């Protein structure tokens, strides 16, 4: 379908039914010519390698920490149980040490009585010998003297 010729169109006026085509505005500055890409400095590959190494290290730390994190609670419980067992052993050893210390004091008292008996024998005094003999029997009652 063609339109009949219009007198206004001949004169340069825009017909009522036609819409003018949208055109892009003309830029004030001409587009730049293909400029060369900026050169990268010598530090760029070094920094890139450093970033990669740090990321690998971070992943390694995460991989190493995550599996053992759950075991840390189990290890803490085991160590706590071991500490309690060692505390019981320590208490038993302390009790044994106190018992042996008491026996040593008793043995020292007995030894002093025996020394007193031999001192009385050297003096050849029957009264002192009898008294020292009773002291030995009394103080050394826990020990078998042969």
Protein backbone atom coordinates (compact mmCIF):
# COMPACT_ATOMS: atom_id res chain seq x y z
CA UNK A 1 0.00 0.00 0.00
CA UNK A 2 1.44 3.10 -1.10
CA UNK A 3 0.35 6.50 -0.05
CA UNK A 4 -0.91 9.09 -2.36
CA UNK A 5 1.49 11.91 -3.04
CA UNK A 6 1.18 14.70 -0.55
CA UNK A 7 1.85 18.28 -1.25
CA UNK A 8 3.22 18.94 2.24
CA UNK A 9 5.75 16.13 1.86
CA UNK A 10 7.09 17.77 -1.23
CA UNK A 11 7.69 20.96 0.68
CA UNK A 12 9.84 19.20 3.35
CA UNK A 13 7.23 18.88 6.06
CA UNK A 14 6.88 15.62 7.93
CA UNK A 15 3.70 13.81 7.08
CA UNK A 16 1.34 13.24 10.01
CA UNK A 17 1.47 9.44 9.86
CA UNK A 18 5.20 8.93 9.52
CA UNK A 19 7.47 8.93 12.59
CA UNK A 20 11.02 10.10 12.08
CA UNK A 21 13.69 7.40 12.61
CA UNK A 22 15.63 7.67 15.86
CA UNK A 23 19.25 8.45 15.24
CA UNK A 24 22.19 8.35 17.62
CA UNK A 25 23.55 11.70 18.63
CA UNK A 26 26.85 12.59 17.10
CA UNK A 27 29.59 12.51 19.74
CA UNK A 28 31.49 15.72 20.33
CA UNK A 29 34.79 13.87 20.60
CA UNK A 30 35.77 11.38 17.95
CA UNK A 31 36.29 7.78 19.19
CA UNK A 32 39.85 7.09 20.23
CA UNK A 33 42.02 5.15 17.91
CA UNK A 34 43.06 1.66 19.02
CA UNK A 35 45.43 2.56 21.82
CA UNK A 36 47.97 -0.05 22.93
CA UNK A 37 47.03 -1.93 26.13
CA UNK A 38 48.81 -0.62 29.22
CA UNK A 39 51.91 -2.61 30.09
CA UNK A 40 51.85 -4.60 33.32
CA UNK A 41 54.66 -4.11 35.75
CA UNK A 42 57.09 -6.85 36.77
CA UNK A 43 55.37 -7.16 40.16
CA UNK A 44 52.08 -8.37 38.67
CA UNK A 45 53.08 -12.02 38.07
CA UNK A 46 54.90 -12.10 41.40
CA UNK A 47 51.84 -10.83 43.24
CA UNK A 48 49.59 -13.23 41.35
CA UNK A 49 51.82 -16.16 42.32
CA UNK A 50 51.85 -14.97 45.92
CA UNK A 51 48.06 -14.77 46.01
CA UNK A 52 47.80 -18.31 44.60
CA UNK A 53 50.27 -19.62 47.20
CA UNK A 54 48.38 -17.91 50.01
CA UNK A 55 45.09 -19.38 48.82
CA UNK A 56 46.63 -22.85 48.62
CA UNK A 57 48.04 -22.41 52.14
CA UNK A 58 44.67 -21.25 53.45
CA UNK A 59 42.93 -24.25 51.90
CA UNK A 60 45.60 -26.51 53.43
CA UNK A 61 45.06 -25.04 56.88
CA UNK A 62 41.30 -25.42 56.60
CA UNK A 63 41.61 -29.00 55.38
CA UNK A 64 44.04 -29.80 58.19
CA UNK A 65 41.98 -28.13 60.93
CA UNK A 66 38.47 -29.30 60.07
CA UNK A 67 39.01 -33.09 60.45
CA UNK A 68 40.83 -32.68 63.76
CA UNK A 69 38.41 -30.15 65.20
CA UNK A 70 35.89 -32.87 66.05
CA UNK A 71 38.62 -35.01 67.57
CA UNK A 72 39.76 -32.23 69.89
CA UNK A 73 36.72 -32.72 72.14
CA UNK A 74 37.39 -36.46 72.26
CA UNK A 75 41.07 -35.82 73.01
CA UNK A 76 40.12 -33.38 75.75
CA UNK A 77 37.86 -36.00 77.34
CA UNK A 78 40.63 -38.62 77.14
CA UNK A 79 43.15 -36.25 78.65
CA UNK A 80 40.72 -35.32 81.41
CA UNK A 81 40.21 -38.99 82.26
CA UNK A 82 43.98 -39.54 82.23
CA UNK A 83 44.49 -36.54 84.53
CA UNK A 84 41.94 -37.95 86.97
CA UNK A 85 43.68 -41.34 86.92
CA UNK A 86 47.04 -39.67 87.54
CA UNK A 87 45.57 -37.66 90.42
CA UNK A 88 44.32 -40.91 91.99
CA UNK A 89 47.75 -42.49 91.52
CA UNK A 90 49.38 -39.43 93.06
CA UNK A 91 47.08 -39.61 96.08
CA UNK A 92 47.89 -43.31 96.52
CA UNK A 93 51.64 -42.58 96.30
CA UNK A 94 51.29 -39.76 98.83
CA UNK A 95 49.46 -42.09 101.22
CA UNK A 96 52.17 -44.71 100.77
CA UNK A 97 54.87 -42.10 101.35
CA UNK A 98 53.17 -41.00 104.59
CA UNK A 99 52.94 -44.64 105.72
CA UNK A 100 56.63 -45.27 104.96
CA UNK A 101 57.57 -42.02 106.70
CA UNK A 102 55.70 -43.17 109.80
CA UNK A 103 57.45 -46.55 109.67
CA UNK A 104 60.80 -44.80 109.34
CA UNK A 105 60.12 -42.70 112.44
CA UNK A 106 59.14 -45.86 114.34
CA UNK A 107 62.31 -47.58 113.12
CA UNK A 108 64.43 -44.60 114.24
CA UNK A 109 62.86 -44.76 117.73
CA UNK A 110 63.57 -48.50 117.85
CA UNK A 111 67.14 -47.94 116.67
CA UNK A 112 67.69 -45.33 119.39
CA UNK A 113 66.43 -47.85 121.99
CA UNK A 114 68.81 -50.53 120.65
CA UNK A 115 71.73 -48.06 120.77
CA UNK A 116 70.79 -47.22 124.35
CA UNK A 117 70.77 -50.95 125.16
CA UNK A 118 74.29 -51.43 123.75
CA UNK A 119 75.50 -48.33 125.60
CA UNK A 120 74.16 -49.86 128.83
CA UNK A 121 75.96 -53.14 128.02
CA UNK A 122 79.26 -51.26 127.66
CA UNK A 123 78.84 -49.78 131.14
CA UNK A 124 78.01 -53.22 132.58
CA UNK A 125 75.31 -51.70 134.80
CA UNK A 126 72.54 -54.26 135.39
CA UNK A 127 69.90 -51.67 136.19
CA UNK A 128 70.59 -49.72 132.99
CA UNK A 129 70.71 -52.93 130.96
CA UNK A 130 67.32 -54.05 132.31
CA UNK A 131 65.77 -50.61 131.71
CA UNK A 132 67.21 -50.45 128.16
CA UNK A 133 65.99 -53.99 127.47
CA UNK A 134 62.43 -53.03 128.43
CA UNK A 135 62.71 -49.89 126.26
CA UNK A 136 63.80 -52.02 123.28
CA UNK A 137 60.90 -54.44 123.82
CA UNK A 138 58.43 -51.56 124.08
CA UNK A 139 59.71 -49.42 121.18
CA UNK A 140 60.53 -52.29 118.85
CA UNK A 141 57.31 -54.29 119.38
CA UNK A 142 56.42 -53.91 115.67
CA UNK A 143 59.73 -55.45 114.53
CA UNK A 144 61.05 -58.94 114.78
CA UNK A 145 64.43 -58.86 116.43
CA UNK A 146 66.56 -61.92 116.08
